[in-house]
Amino acid sequence: MTAPEENSGTCPVDRGLMRVGDRWSILILRDIDRGLTRYDQIRASLGIAPNILARRLSALVAAGLIEKRRYSARPPRDEYLLTDAGRDFLPILAAIGAWGRKHNGQGALTRQIDVETGKPIRPVVVDANTGAPLGSRPLRFDYPE
């Protein structure tokens, strides 16, 4: 275990943020989900410096959120695809987007549309045990012994 992971202790929020907690990493995951899987596509979309993009992609691969797959041998070129862990982050990304739309929604904003219904999605995070939206009931933390 590395030093930062040791400092994460028992907090799953801290452990999750260790893997995706910076703006660039989250936006990279968003772009890969949108189908921008190649380095140049991601770089153009985000306007990110090449050294920062390379570091973030390497970190996301190491964290198991994306995988790198070679699509051209000459010249060597790779694309980046979401892993199961990366796909599991997509509902969180949708919830962040909904929060941003509600609390910082000035101007024109993109929307996610359900392909089957043609309607914008309205993400809600719920407790799978009760179906209650999180934030609607008091919660407590249970610390391991």
N, C-alpha and C. Protein backbone atom coordinates (compact mmCIF):
# COMPACT_ATOMS: atom_id res chain seq x y z
N MET A 1 0.85 -1.18 0.00
CA MET A 1 0.00 0.00 0.00
C MET A 1 0.90 1.24 0.00
N THR A 2 0.56 2.21 -0.82
CA THR A 2 1.36 3.43 -0.88
C THR A 2 0.95 4.37 0.24
N ALA A 3 1.79 5.35 0.50
CA ALA A 3 1.53 6.29 1.59
C ALA A 3 0.18 6.97 1.48
N PRO A 4 -0.22 7.52 0.29
CA PRO A 4 -1.54 8.17 0.23
C PRO A 4 -2.68 7.20 0.52
N GLU A 5 -2.56 5.95 0.08
CA GLU A 5 -3.62 4.98 0.36
C GLU A 5 -3.69 4.67 1.85
N GLU A 6 -2.55 4.65 2.53
CA GLU A 6 -2.55 4.42 3.96
C GLU A 6 -3.29 5.54 4.68
N ASN A 7 -3.17 6.76 4.18
CA ASN A 7 -3.84 7.90 4.80
C ASN A 7 -5.34 7.89 4.55
N SER A 8 -5.80 7.08 3.61
CA SER A 8 -7.22 7.02 3.31
C SER A 8 -8.01 6.34 4.40
N GLY A 9 -7.34 5.55 5.21
CA GLY A 9 -8.02 4.89 6.31
C GLY A 9 -9.23 4.11 5.87
N THR A 10 -10.31 4.29 6.60
CA THR A 10 -11.53 3.52 6.33
C THR A 10 -12.55 4.29 5.50
N CYS A 11 -12.21 5.46 5.06
CA CYS A 11 -13.19 6.30 4.35
C CYS A 11 -13.25 5.94 2.86
N PRO A 12 -14.37 5.37 2.39
CA PRO A 12 -14.48 5.01 0.98
C PRO A 12 -14.52 6.24 0.06
N VAL A 13 -14.99 7.38 0.56
CA VAL A 13 -14.98 8.61 -0.24
C VAL A 13 -13.54 8.99 -0.54
N ASP A 14 -12.70 8.98 0.48
CA ASP A 14 -11.29 9.32 0.30
C ASP A 14 -10.63 8.33 -0.64
N ARG A 15 -10.90 7.07 -0.47
CA ARG A 15 -10.31 6.05 -1.35
C ARG A 15 -10.76 6.23 -2.80
N GLY A 16 -12.03 6.56 -2.99
CA GLY A 16 -12.54 6.80 -4.35
C GLY A 16 -11.90 8.02 -4.97
N LEU A 17 -11.78 9.09 -4.18
CA LEU A 17 -11.17 10.31 -4.69
C LEU A 17 -9.70 10.13 -5.01
N MET A 18 -9.06 9.20 -4.36
CA MET A 18 -7.66 8.89 -4.69
C MET A 18 -7.55 8.45 -6.15
N ARG A 19 -8.61 7.89 -6.70
CA ARG A 19 -8.57 7.36 -8.06
C ARG A 19 -9.14 8.33 -9.11
N VAL A 20 -10.16 9.10 -8.73
CA VAL A 20 -10.82 9.96 -9.72
C VAL A 20 -11.04 11.39 -9.22
N GLY A 21 -10.36 11.80 -8.20
CA GLY A 21 -10.71 13.03 -7.51
C GLY A 21 -10.26 14.34 -8.12
N ASP A 22 -9.64 14.33 -9.28
CA ASP A 22 -9.29 15.61 -9.86
C ASP A 22 -10.16 15.88 -11.10
N ARG A 23 -10.29 17.13 -11.40
CA ARG A 23 -11.15 17.56 -12.51
C ARG A 23 -10.81 16.88 -13.82
N TRP A 24 -9.51 16.84 -14.15
CA TRP A 24 -9.11 16.28 -15.44
C TRP A 24 -9.48 14.81 -15.56
N SER A 25 -9.25 14.04 -14.51
CA SER A 25 -9.56 12.60 -14.57
C SER A 25 -11.04 12.37 -14.79
N ILE A 26 -11.87 13.15 -14.10
CA ILE A 26 -13.32 12.99 -14.26
C ILE A 26 -13.76 13.39 -15.66
N LEU A 27 -13.19 14.45 -16.19
CA LEU A 27 -13.54 14.88 -17.55
C LEU A 27 -13.04 13.89 -18.60
N ILE A 28 -11.90 13.27 -18.35
CA ILE A 28 -11.40 12.22 -19.26
C ILE A 28 -12.37 11.04 -19.28
N LEU A 29 -12.84 10.62 -18.11
CA LEU A 29 -13.82 9.53 -18.06
C LEU A 29 -15.09 9.92 -18.81
N ARG A 30 -15.53 11.16 -18.64
CA ARG A 30 -16.71 11.65 -19.36
C ARG A 30 -16.50 11.56 -20.87
N ASP A 31 -15.33 12.03 -21.33
CA ASP A 31 -15.08 12.02 -22.77
C ASP A 31 -14.98 10.61 -23.33
N ILE A 32 -14.35 9.71 -22.60
CA ILE A 32 -14.27 8.32 -23.07
C ILE A 32 -15.67 7.73 -23.17
N ASP A 33 -16.53 8.02 -22.19
CA ASP A 33 -17.91 7.55 -22.27
C ASP A 33 -18.63 8.13 -23.49
N ARG A 34 -18.29 9.34 -23.89
CA ARG A 34 -18.89 9.98 -25.06
C ARG A 34 -18.34 9.43 -26.37
N GLY A 35 -17.35 8.53 -26.30
CA GLY A 35 -16.81 7.94 -27.52
C GLY A 35 -15.50 8.55 -27.98
N LEU A 36 -14.96 9.48 -27.21
CA LEU A 36 -13.66 10.05 -27.54
C LEU A 36 -12.60 9.18 -26.87
N THR A 37 -12.13 8.18 -27.57
CA THR A 37 -11.27 7.16 -26.96
C THR A 37 -9.80 7.31 -27.31
N ARG A 38 -9.48 8.20 -28.22
CA ARG A 38 -8.09 8.37 -28.65
C ARG A 38 -7.48 9.61 -28.03
N TYR A 39 -6.18 9.52 -27.78
CA TYR A 39 -5.43 10.58 -27.11
C TYR A 39 -5.71 11.94 -27.74
N ASP A 40 -5.57 12.05 -29.05
CA ASP A 40 -5.76 13.33 -29.73
C ASP A 40 -7.20 13.85 -29.60
N GLN A 41 -8.17 12.94 -29.60
CA GLN A 41 -9.56 13.36 -29.44
C GLN A 41 -9.80 13.94 -28.05
N ILE A 42 -9.27 13.26 -27.05
CA ILE A 42 -9.44 13.72 -25.66
C ILE A 42 -8.73 15.06 -25.47
N ARG A 43 -7.51 15.15 -25.98
CA ARG A 43 -6.73 16.38 -25.84
C ARG A 43 -7.45 17.55 -26.50
N ALA A 44 -7.98 17.35 -27.70
CA ALA A 44 -8.68 18.42 -28.40
C ALA A 44 -9.96 18.82 -27.66
N SER A 45 -10.68 17.85 -27.14
CA SER A 45 -11.92 18.13 -26.43
C SER A 45 -11.69 18.96 -25.17
N LEU A 46 -10.64 18.60 -24.43
CA LEU A 46 -10.41 19.24 -23.13
C LEU A 46 -9.47 20.43 -23.19
N GLY A 47 -8.67 20.54 -24.25
CA GLY A 47 -7.67 21.60 -24.29
C GLY A 47 -6.63 21.42 -23.20
N ILE A 48 -6.33 20.20 -22.87
CA ILE A 48 -5.43 19.84 -21.77
C ILE A 48 -3.99 19.74 -22.28
N ALA A 49 -3.04 20.11 -21.46
CA ALA A 49 -1.62 20.00 -21.82
C ALA A 49 -1.26 18.52 -22.00
N PRO A 50 -0.42 18.21 -22.97
CA PRO A 50 -0.07 16.81 -23.24
C PRO A 50 0.53 16.08 -22.03
N ASN A 51 1.38 16.74 -21.27
CA ASN A 51 1.98 16.08 -20.12
C ASN A 51 0.95 15.76 -19.04
N ILE A 52 -0.01 16.65 -18.85
CA ILE A 52 -1.06 16.39 -17.86
C ILE A 52 -1.95 15.26 -18.33
N LEU A 53 -2.34 15.27 -19.61
CA LEU A 53 -3.18 14.20 -20.14
C LEU A 53 -2.49 12.85 -20.02
N ALA A 54 -1.22 12.79 -20.38
CA ALA A 54 -0.48 11.52 -20.30
C ALA A 54 -0.45 11.01 -18.86
N ARG A 55 -0.22 11.89 -17.90
CA ARG A 55 -0.19 11.47 -16.49
C ARG A 55 -1.55 10.99 -16.03
N ARG A 56 -2.60 11.71 -16.39
CA ARG A 56 -3.95 11.32 -15.95
C ARG A 56 -4.36 9.99 -16.58
N LEU A 57 -4.08 9.81 -17.87
CA LEU A 57 -4.41 8.54 -18.51
C LEU A 57 -3.67 7.39 -17.83
N SER A 58 -2.39 7.56 -17.56
CA SER A 58 -1.61 6.51 -16.89
C SER A 58 -2.19 6.21 -15.51
N ALA A 59 -2.58 7.25 -14.78
CA ALA A 59 -3.14 7.06 -13.44
C ALA A 59 -4.48 6.33 -13.51
N LEU A 60 -5.31 6.67 -14.50
CA LEU A 60 -6.61 6.00 -14.64
C LEU A 60 -6.44 4.55 -15.05
N VAL A 61 -5.44 4.26 -15.87
CA VAL A 61 -5.13 2.86 -16.22
C VAL A 61 -4.67 2.12 -14.96
N ALA A 62 -3.74 2.71 -14.21
CA ALA A 62 -3.22 2.08 -12.99
C ALA A 62 -4.32 1.86 -11.96
N ALA A 63 -5.30 2.77 -11.91
CA ALA A 63 -6.41 2.65 -10.96
C ALA A 63 -7.46 1.64 -11.43
N GLY A 64 -7.34 1.15 -12.66
CA GLY A 64 -8.28 0.16 -13.17
C GLY A 64 -9.58 0.74 -13.69
N LEU A 65 -9.62 2.05 -13.97
CA LEU A 65 -10.84 2.67 -14.48
C LEU A 65 -10.92 2.66 -16.00
N ILE A 66 -9.76 2.65 -16.64
CA ILE A 66 -9.71 2.54 -18.10
C ILE A 66 -8.64 1.53 -18.48
N GLU A 67 -8.74 1.03 -19.70
CA GLU A 67 -7.69 0.16 -20.23
C GLU A 67 -7.18 0.77 -21.53
N LYS A 68 -5.92 0.52 -21.79
CA LYS A 68 -5.28 1.03 -23.00
C LYS A 68 -5.22 -0.12 -23.99
N ARG A 69 -5.69 0.14 -25.23
CA ARG A 69 -5.71 -0.89 -26.26
C ARG A 69 -5.06 -0.33 -27.52
N ARG A 70 -4.11 -1.07 -28.07
CA ARG A 70 -3.41 -0.65 -29.29
C ARG A 70 -4.33 -0.82 -30.49
N TYR A 71 -4.48 0.23 -31.27
CA TYR A 71 -5.29 0.13 -32.50
C TYR A 71 -4.46 0.30 -33.76
N SER A 72 -3.19 0.72 -33.63
CA SER A 72 -2.33 0.86 -34.79
C SER A 72 -0.90 0.51 -34.38
N ALA A 73 -0.26 -0.37 -35.15
CA ALA A 73 1.13 -0.74 -34.86
C ALA A 73 2.11 0.28 -35.45
N ARG A 74 1.79 0.78 -36.64
CA ARG A 74 2.68 1.74 -37.31
C ARG A 74 1.88 2.92 -37.80
N PRO A 75 2.00 4.06 -37.23
CA PRO A 75 2.72 4.34 -35.99
C PRO A 75 1.96 3.77 -34.80
N PRO A 76 2.66 3.53 -33.70
CA PRO A 76 1.97 2.97 -32.53
C PRO A 76 0.95 3.97 -31.98
N ARG A 77 -0.28 3.53 -31.91
CA ARG A 77 -1.38 4.37 -31.40
C ARG A 77 -2.27 3.53 -30.50
N ASP A 78 -2.73 4.15 -29.43
CA ASP A 78 -3.59 3.47 -28.47
C ASP A 78 -4.92 4.20 -28.34
N GLU A 79 -5.92 3.45 -27.92
CA GLU A 79 -7.18 4.05 -27.53
C GLU A 79 -7.45 3.63 -26.10
N TYR A 80 -8.34 4.35 -25.46
CA TYR A 80 -8.65 4.12 -24.05
C TYR A 80 -10.11 3.78 -23.92
N LEU A 81 -10.39 2.71 -23.19
CA LEU A 81 -11.75 2.22 -23.03
C LEU A 81 -12.06 2.08 -21.55
N LEU A 82 -13.32 2.30 -21.20
CA LEU A 82 -13.74 2.14 -19.81
C LEU A 82 -13.71 0.67 -19.42
N THR A 83 -13.24 0.39 -18.22
CA THR A 83 -13.34 -0.94 -17.64
C THR A 83 -14.68 -1.03 -16.90
N ASP A 84 -14.95 -2.16 -16.28
CA ASP A 84 -16.16 -2.27 -15.46
C ASP A 84 -16.16 -1.21 -14.37
N ALA A 85 -15.00 -1.00 -13.73
CA ALA A 85 -14.91 0.02 -12.68
C ALA A 85 -15.18 1.41 -13.26
N GLY A 86 -14.69 1.68 -14.45
CA GLY A 86 -14.95 2.97 -15.09
C GLY A 86 -16.42 3.15 -15.42
N ARG A 87 -17.06 2.08 -15.92
CA ARG A 87 -18.50 2.16 -16.22
C ARG A 87 -19.31 2.33 -14.94
N ASP A 88 -18.84 1.74 -13.84
CA ASP A 88 -19.53 1.91 -12.56
C ASP A 88 -19.48 3.35 -12.07
N PHE A 89 -18.53 4.14 -12.58
CA PHE A 89 -18.43 5.55 -12.19
C PHE A 89 -19.42 6.43 -12.95
N LEU A 90 -19.96 5.96 -14.05
CA LEU A 90 -20.84 6.79 -14.89
C LEU A 90 -22.08 7.31 -14.16
N PRO A 91 -22.75 6.51 -13.31
CA PRO A 91 -23.88 7.10 -12.57
C PRO A 91 -23.45 8.24 -11.64
N ILE A 92 -22.26 8.14 -11.09
CA ILE A 92 -21.74 9.21 -10.24
C ILE A 92 -21.52 10.46 -11.09
N LEU A 93 -20.98 10.26 -12.27
CA LEU A 93 -20.76 11.36 -13.20
C LEU A 93 -22.09 12.03 -13.57
N ALA A 94 -23.12 11.23 -13.80
CA ALA A 94 -24.45 11.78 -14.12
C ALA A 94 -25.00 12.56 -12.93
N ALA A 95 -24.78 12.06 -11.72
CA ALA A 95 -25.25 12.76 -10.52
C ALA A 95 -24.51 14.08 -10.34
N ILE A 96 -23.21 14.11 -10.60
CA ILE A 96 -22.45 15.36 -10.53
C ILE A 96 -23.00 16.35 -11.55
N GLY A 97 -23.29 15.85 -12.75
CA GLY A 97 -23.87 16.71 -13.78
C GLY A 97 -25.21 17.29 -13.37
N ALA A 98 -26.06 16.47 -12.76
CA ALA A 98 -27.37 16.94 -12.31
C ALA A 98 -27.22 18.00 -11.22
N TRP A 99 -26.28 17.78 -10.31
CA TRP A 99 -26.01 18.76 -9.27
C TRP A 99 -25.51 20.07 -9.89
N GLY A 100 -24.59 19.96 -10.85
CA GLY A 100 -24.08 21.14 -11.52
C GLY A 100 -25.16 21.90 -12.26
N ARG A 101 -26.05 21.17 -12.92
CA ARG A 101 -27.16 21.80 -13.64
C ARG A 101 -28.07 22.54 -12.66
N LYS A 102 -28.35 21.94 -11.50
CA LYS A 102 -29.27 22.54 -10.53
C LYS A 102 -28.65 23.76 -9.85
N HIS A 103 -27.39 23.66 -9.47
CA HIS A 103 -26.79 24.71 -8.64
C HIS A 103 -25.87 25.66 -9.40
N ASN A 104 -25.51 25.33 -10.62
CA ASN A 104 -24.64 26.18 -11.43
C ASN A 104 -25.12 26.20 -12.86
N GLY A 105 -26.43 26.26 -13.04
CA GLY A 105 -27.02 26.03 -14.35
C GLY A 105 -27.24 27.24 -15.23
N GLN A 106 -26.43 28.28 -15.08
CA GLN A 106 -26.60 29.45 -15.93
C GLN A 106 -26.18 29.11 -17.36
N GLY A 107 -26.88 29.67 -18.32
CA GLY A 107 -26.50 29.50 -19.72
C GLY A 107 -26.93 28.15 -20.28
N ALA A 108 -26.57 27.94 -21.54
CA ALA A 108 -26.91 26.68 -22.22
C ALA A 108 -26.03 25.56 -21.69
N LEU A 109 -26.64 24.43 -21.38
CA LEU A 109 -25.92 23.27 -20.86
C LEU A 109 -26.29 22.02 -21.66
N THR A 110 -25.33 21.14 -21.81
CA THR A 110 -25.63 19.86 -22.45
C THR A 110 -26.53 19.04 -21.53
N ARG A 111 -27.21 18.08 -22.10
CA ARG A 111 -28.06 17.17 -21.34
C ARG A 111 -27.78 15.75 -21.80
N GLN A 112 -27.97 14.81 -20.91
CA GLN A 112 -27.92 13.40 -21.30
C GLN A 112 -29.33 12.97 -21.63
N ILE A 113 -29.47 12.33 -22.78
CA ILE A 113 -30.78 11.91 -23.27
C ILE A 113 -30.85 10.39 -23.27
N ASP A 114 -31.94 9.85 -22.75
CA ASP A 114 -32.18 8.42 -22.80
C ASP A 114 -32.49 8.06 -24.25
N VAL A 115 -31.70 7.19 -24.85
CA VAL A 115 -31.84 6.85 -26.26
C VAL A 115 -33.21 6.21 -26.54
N GLU A 116 -33.71 5.38 -25.62
CA GLU A 116 -34.98 4.70 -25.85
C GLU A 116 -36.18 5.63 -25.77
N THR A 117 -36.17 6.57 -24.79
CA THR A 117 -37.34 7.44 -24.61
C THR A 117 -37.18 8.78 -25.31
N GLY A 118 -35.94 9.17 -25.60
CA GLY A 118 -35.69 10.48 -26.20
C GLY A 118 -35.79 11.63 -25.21
N LYS A 119 -35.94 11.31 -23.93
CA LYS A 119 -36.10 12.34 -22.90
C LYS A 119 -34.83 12.51 -22.10
N PRO A 120 -34.61 13.73 -21.58
CA PRO A 120 -33.44 13.94 -20.71
C PRO A 120 -33.53 13.07 -19.45
N ILE A 121 -32.39 12.56 -19.01
CA ILE A 121 -32.39 11.78 -17.77
C ILE A 121 -32.46 12.74 -16.58
N ARG A 122 -32.95 12.22 -15.47
CA ARG A 122 -32.99 12.97 -14.21
C ARG A 122 -32.38 12.07 -13.15
N PRO A 123 -31.03 12.06 -13.06
CA PRO A 123 -30.39 11.13 -12.13
C PRO A 123 -30.71 11.44 -10.67
N VAL A 124 -30.94 10.36 -9.93
CA VAL A 124 -31.17 10.43 -8.50
C VAL A 124 -30.38 9.28 -7.88
N VAL A 125 -29.67 9.56 -6.82
CA VAL A 125 -28.94 8.50 -6.12
C VAL A 125 -29.85 8.00 -5.01
N VAL A 126 -30.12 6.70 -5.03
CA VAL A 126 -31.03 6.12 -4.04
C VAL A 126 -30.35 4.99 -3.29
N ASP A 127 -30.87 4.73 -2.11
CA ASP A 127 -30.45 3.57 -1.34
C ASP A 127 -31.16 2.35 -1.93
N ALA A 128 -30.38 1.39 -2.40
CA ALA A 128 -30.96 0.20 -3.04
C ALA A 128 -31.81 -0.61 -2.04
N ASN A 129 -31.54 -0.50 -0.74
CA ASN A 129 -32.32 -1.26 0.25
C ASN A 129 -33.71 -0.68 0.45
N THR A 130 -33.83 0.65 0.45
CA THR A 130 -35.12 1.27 0.76
C THR A 130 -35.75 1.99 -0.42
N GLY A 131 -34.94 2.31 -1.43
CA GLY A 131 -35.43 3.11 -2.54
C GLY A 131 -35.49 4.59 -2.22
N ALA A 132 -35.09 4.98 -1.02
CA ALA A 132 -35.14 6.39 -0.61
C ALA A 132 -33.98 7.16 -1.24
N PRO A 133 -34.26 8.34 -1.79
CA PRO A 133 -33.17 9.17 -2.32
C PRO A 133 -32.20 9.55 -1.21
N LEU A 134 -30.91 9.44 -1.50
CA LEU A 134 -29.92 9.86 -0.51
C LEU A 134 -30.03 11.36 -0.33
N GLY A 135 -29.93 11.80 0.90
CA GLY A 135 -30.12 13.20 1.24
C GLY A 135 -31.52 13.47 1.77
N SER A 136 -32.40 12.47 1.68
CA SER A 136 -33.77 12.67 2.16
C SER A 136 -33.99 12.10 3.56
N ARG A 137 -33.02 11.38 4.09
CA ARG A 137 -33.14 10.76 5.41
C ARG A 137 -31.82 10.92 6.14
N PRO A 138 -31.87 10.97 7.45
CA PRO A 138 -30.60 11.07 8.19
C PRO A 138 -29.81 9.77 8.07
N LEU A 139 -28.50 9.91 7.96
CA LEU A 139 -27.60 8.76 7.87
C LEU A 139 -26.53 8.91 8.93
N ARG A 140 -25.86 7.82 9.27
CA ARG A 140 -24.72 7.86 10.17
C ARG A 140 -23.65 6.98 9.59
N PHE A 141 -22.43 7.17 10.03
CA PHE A 141 -21.32 6.34 9.60
C PHE A 141 -21.08 5.25 10.62
N ASP A 142 -20.85 4.04 10.15
CA ASP A 142 -20.53 2.90 11.00
C ASP A 142 -19.06 2.59 10.80
N TYR A 143 -18.26 2.83 11.80
CA TYR A 143 -16.82 2.65 11.69
C TYR A 143 -16.42 1.24 12.07
N PRO A 144 -15.52 0.62 11.28
CA PRO A 144 -15.08 -0.74 11.62
C PRO A 144 -14.29 -0.73 12.93
N GLU A 145 -14.35 -1.87 13.59
CA GLU A 145 -13.64 -1.98 14.87
C GLU A 145 -12.20 -2.35 14.66
